[in-house]
Amino acid sequence: VCCLTVFPPLWRKQVKRDNPELCNTDVSRLLGEMWRNASELERKPYVDQEIVEREVYKKTIKEWREKQSSRDAATRTSHQA
């Protein structure tokens, strides 16, 4: 997860509305420029949200991997019998 995945969806519609002639690549470029030019105070809510989402992701992927590992171990055991 990256701050830029949290930031653009909120602004993409506005940028598209203000610049209907831009293709998606140019919209993304403009959003990146907006992010680079944003102050730390403007970035903070998005950075904080990204931190929370990253922790949720880490927990979810850890649980998934443990489940997969258990499932794989059970498959190996049942094939050996």
N, C-alpha and C. Protein backbone atom coordinates (compact mmCIF):
# COMPACT_ATOMS: atom_id res chain seq x y z
N VAL A 1 0.86 -1.17 0.00
CA VAL A 1 0.00 0.00 0.00
C VAL A 1 0.90 1.23 0.00
N CYS A 2 0.47 2.21 -0.71
CA CYS A 2 1.25 3.43 -0.85
C CYS A 2 0.31 4.61 -0.68
N CYS A 3 0.84 5.70 -0.17
CA CYS A 3 0.02 6.91 0.01
C CYS A 3 -0.64 7.31 -1.30
N LEU A 4 0.05 7.07 -2.40
CA LEU A 4 -0.52 7.47 -3.69
C LEU A 4 -1.71 6.62 -4.09
N THR A 5 -1.88 5.46 -3.47
CA THR A 5 -3.09 4.68 -3.77
C THR A 5 -4.28 5.19 -2.98
N VAL A 6 -4.00 5.89 -1.89
CA VAL A 6 -5.07 6.47 -1.08
C VAL A 6 -5.44 7.85 -1.61
N PHE A 7 -4.45 8.61 -2.00
CA PHE A 7 -4.65 10.00 -2.43
C PHE A 7 -5.39 10.13 -3.75
N PRO A 8 -4.97 9.48 -4.83
CA PRO A 8 -5.59 9.72 -6.13
C PRO A 8 -7.08 9.49 -6.24
N PRO A 9 -7.64 8.41 -5.70
CA PRO A 9 -9.08 8.22 -5.91
C PRO A 9 -9.91 9.41 -5.44
N LEU A 10 -9.44 10.08 -4.42
CA LEU A 10 -10.18 11.22 -3.89
C LEU A 10 -10.10 12.43 -4.82
N TRP A 11 -9.02 12.52 -5.57
CA TRP A 11 -8.78 13.68 -6.42
C TRP A 11 -8.93 13.41 -7.90
N ARG A 12 -8.90 12.14 -8.29
CA ARG A 12 -8.94 11.80 -9.72
C ARG A 12 -10.18 12.37 -10.42
N LYS A 13 -11.33 12.24 -9.80
CA LYS A 13 -12.57 12.74 -10.42
C LYS A 13 -12.49 14.24 -10.64
N GLN A 14 -11.98 14.96 -9.64
CA GLN A 14 -11.87 16.40 -9.76
C GLN A 14 -10.89 16.79 -10.87
N VAL A 15 -9.76 16.11 -10.93
CA VAL A 15 -8.76 16.41 -11.97
C VAL A 15 -9.36 16.11 -13.34
N LYS A 16 -10.08 14.99 -13.47
CA LYS A 16 -10.71 14.64 -14.75
C LYS A 16 -11.76 15.67 -15.14
N ARG A 17 -12.53 16.13 -14.15
CA ARG A 17 -13.56 17.13 -14.40
C ARG A 17 -12.94 18.45 -14.87
N ASP A 18 -11.84 18.82 -14.22
CA ASP A 18 -11.17 20.07 -14.57
C ASP A 18 -10.36 19.98 -15.86
N ASN A 19 -9.97 18.77 -16.25
CA ASN A 19 -9.12 18.55 -17.42
C ASN A 19 -9.65 17.39 -18.26
N PRO A 20 -10.82 17.52 -18.86
CA PRO A 20 -11.42 16.38 -19.56
C PRO A 20 -10.60 15.90 -20.76
N GLU A 21 -9.71 16.72 -21.25
CA GLU A 21 -8.91 16.34 -22.41
C GLU A 21 -7.74 15.42 -22.05
N LEU A 22 -7.42 15.28 -20.76
CA LEU A 22 -6.27 14.48 -20.36
C LEU A 22 -6.58 12.98 -20.39
N CYS A 23 -5.61 12.20 -20.87
CA CYS A 23 -5.74 10.74 -20.80
C CYS A 23 -5.37 10.29 -19.38
N ASN A 24 -5.62 9.03 -19.05
CA ASN A 24 -5.36 8.53 -17.70
C ASN A 24 -3.90 8.68 -17.29
N THR A 25 -2.99 8.49 -18.23
CA THR A 25 -1.56 8.63 -17.92
C THR A 25 -1.26 10.06 -17.47
N ASP A 26 -1.81 11.03 -18.18
CA ASP A 26 -1.57 12.42 -17.83
C ASP A 26 -2.27 12.80 -16.52
N VAL A 27 -3.43 12.22 -16.28
CA VAL A 27 -4.12 12.46 -15.01
C VAL A 27 -3.25 11.93 -13.87
N SER A 28 -2.69 10.74 -14.03
CA SER A 28 -1.82 10.16 -13.01
C SER A 28 -0.58 11.03 -12.79
N ARG A 29 -0.02 11.52 -13.87
CA ARG A 29 1.14 12.42 -13.77
C ARG A 29 0.79 13.67 -12.96
N LEU A 30 -0.36 14.24 -13.26
CA LEU A 30 -0.80 15.44 -12.57
C LEU A 30 -1.05 15.16 -11.09
N LEU A 31 -1.64 14.01 -10.80
CA LEU A 31 -1.86 13.63 -9.40
C LEU A 31 -0.53 13.46 -8.67
N GLY A 32 0.45 12.86 -9.33
CA GLY A 32 1.78 12.71 -8.74
C GLY A 32 2.41 14.06 -8.46
N GLU A 33 2.24 14.97 -9.37
CA GLU A 33 2.76 16.33 -9.19
C GLU A 33 2.06 17.02 -8.02
N MET A 34 0.75 16.84 -7.94
CA MET A 34 0.00 17.42 -6.83
C MET A 34 0.51 16.87 -5.49
N TRP A 35 0.79 15.56 -5.47
CA TRP A 35 1.29 14.92 -4.25
C TRP A 35 2.65 15.48 -3.88
N ARG A 36 3.54 15.58 -4.85
CA ARG A 36 4.89 16.11 -4.58
C ARG A 36 4.84 17.55 -4.09
N ASN A 37 3.89 18.32 -4.57
CA ASN A 37 3.79 19.73 -4.19
C ASN A 37 2.98 19.96 -2.91
N ALA A 38 2.35 18.91 -2.40
CA ALA A 38 1.54 19.05 -1.19
C ALA A 38 2.46 19.21 0.03
N SER A 39 2.02 19.99 0.98
CA SER A 39 2.80 20.17 2.21
C SER A 39 2.66 18.92 3.08
N GLU A 40 3.53 18.81 4.09
CA GLU A 40 3.44 17.67 5.00
C GLU A 40 2.08 17.64 5.70
N LEU A 41 1.57 18.79 6.02
CA LEU A 41 0.26 18.88 6.68
C LEU A 41 -0.84 18.36 5.76
N GLU A 42 -0.76 18.67 4.47
CA GLU A 42 -1.76 18.18 3.51
C GLU A 42 -1.62 16.68 3.29
N ARG A 43 -0.41 16.18 3.36
CA ARG A 43 -0.16 14.74 3.14
C ARG A 43 -0.53 13.89 4.35
N LYS A 44 -0.45 14.47 5.54
CA LYS A 44 -0.57 13.70 6.77
C LYS A 44 -1.79 12.77 6.83
N PRO A 45 -3.00 13.22 6.51
CA PRO A 45 -4.14 12.29 6.61
C PRO A 45 -3.98 11.06 5.70
N TYR A 46 -3.39 11.25 4.54
CA TYR A 46 -3.21 10.14 3.60
C TYR A 46 -2.11 9.20 4.08
N VAL A 47 -1.05 9.79 4.62
CA VAL A 47 0.05 8.98 5.16
C VAL A 47 -0.46 8.16 6.35
N ASP A 48 -1.23 8.80 7.22
CA ASP A 48 -1.79 8.09 8.38
C ASP A 48 -2.71 6.96 7.94
N GLN A 49 -3.54 7.22 6.95
CA GLN A 49 -4.45 6.18 6.44
C GLN A 49 -3.65 5.04 5.83
N GLU A 50 -2.59 5.36 5.13
CA GLU A 50 -1.76 4.32 4.51
C GLU A 50 -1.11 3.45 5.58
N ILE A 51 -0.67 4.06 6.68
CA ILE A 51 -0.05 3.30 7.77
C ILE A 51 -1.06 2.30 8.35
N VAL A 52 -2.28 2.75 8.58
CA VAL A 52 -3.33 1.87 9.11
C VAL A 52 -3.60 0.74 8.12
N GLU A 53 -3.76 1.07 6.85
CA GLU A 53 -4.06 0.06 5.84
C GLU A 53 -2.90 -0.92 5.68
N ARG A 54 -1.67 -0.45 5.81
CA ARG A 54 -0.51 -1.33 5.71
C ARG A 54 -0.52 -2.36 6.85
N GLU A 55 -0.86 -1.92 8.06
CA GLU A 55 -0.92 -2.84 9.20
C GLU A 55 -2.03 -3.88 9.01
N VAL A 56 -3.16 -3.46 8.51
CA VAL A 56 -4.25 -4.40 8.23
C VAL A 56 -3.79 -5.42 7.18
N TYR A 57 -3.12 -4.94 6.14
CA TYR A 57 -2.62 -5.82 5.09
C TYR A 57 -1.63 -6.83 5.66
N LYS A 58 -0.69 -6.35 6.47
CA LYS A 58 0.33 -7.26 7.04
C LYS A 58 -0.33 -8.36 7.87
N LYS A 59 -1.32 -7.97 8.66
CA LYS A 59 -2.02 -8.95 9.50
C LYS A 59 -2.78 -9.95 8.63
N THR A 60 -3.48 -9.44 7.63
CA THR A 60 -4.27 -10.30 6.75
C THR A 60 -3.38 -11.27 5.98
N ILE A 61 -2.28 -10.78 5.43
CA ILE A 61 -1.41 -11.65 4.63
C ILE A 61 -0.72 -12.68 5.52
N LYS A 62 -0.39 -12.29 6.75
CA LYS A 62 0.23 -13.25 7.68
C LYS A 62 -0.76 -14.38 7.98
N GLU A 63 -2.01 -14.03 8.26
CA GLU A 63 -3.03 -15.05 8.53
C GLU A 63 -3.25 -15.94 7.32
N TRP A 64 -3.29 -15.35 6.13
CA TRP A 64 -3.48 -16.12 4.91
C TRP A 64 -2.33 -17.09 4.69
N ARG A 65 -1.10 -16.61 4.89
CA ARG A 65 0.07 -17.48 4.69
C ARG A 65 0.08 -18.64 5.68
N GLU A 66 -0.31 -18.35 6.93
CA GLU A 66 -0.38 -19.42 7.93
C GLU A 66 -1.43 -20.45 7.54
N LYS A 67 -2.56 -19.98 7.05
CA LYS A 67 -3.63 -20.87 6.61
C LYS A 67 -3.16 -21.71 5.42
N GLN A 68 -2.48 -21.07 4.47
CA GLN A 68 -1.96 -21.78 3.29
C GLN A 68 -0.93 -22.82 3.71
N SER A 69 -0.08 -22.46 4.65
CA SER A 69 0.95 -23.37 5.13
C SER A 69 0.31 -24.60 5.78
N SER A 70 -0.72 -24.37 6.59
CA SER A 70 -1.43 -25.48 7.23
C SER A 70 -2.11 -26.36 6.20
N ARG A 71 -2.73 -25.72 5.21
CA ARG A 71 -3.42 -26.45 4.15
C ARG A 71 -2.41 -27.28 3.35
N ASP A 72 -1.27 -26.68 3.02
CA ASP A 72 -0.24 -27.41 2.27
C ASP A 72 0.30 -28.58 3.07
N ALA A 73 0.51 -28.38 4.38
CA ALA A 73 0.99 -29.46 5.22
C ALA A 73 -0.01 -30.59 5.28
N ALA A 74 -1.29 -30.27 5.38
CA ALA A 74 -2.35 -31.29 5.42
C ALA A 74 -2.40 -32.05 4.10
N THR A 75 -2.20 -31.36 2.99
CA THR A 75 -2.21 -32.01 1.68
C THR A 75 -1.04 -32.97 1.57
N ARG A 76 0.14 -32.53 2.02
CA ARG A 76 1.32 -33.41 1.95
C ARG A 76 1.12 -34.64 2.81
N THR A 77 0.53 -34.46 4.00
CA THR A 77 0.30 -35.59 4.92
C THR A 77 -0.70 -36.56 4.33
N SER A 78 -1.78 -36.06 3.73
CA SER A 78 -2.80 -36.97 3.19
C SER A 78 -2.28 -37.72 1.96
N HIS A 79 -1.36 -37.16 1.23
CA HIS A 79 -0.80 -37.84 0.06
C HIS A 79 0.22 -38.89 0.46
N GLN A 80 0.79 -38.75 1.64
CA GLN A 80 1.79 -39.72 2.08
C GLN A 80 1.14 -40.97 2.66
N ALA A 81 -0.10 -40.89 3.05
CA ALA A 81 -0.78 -42.02 3.71
C ALA A 81 -1.13 -43.12 2.74
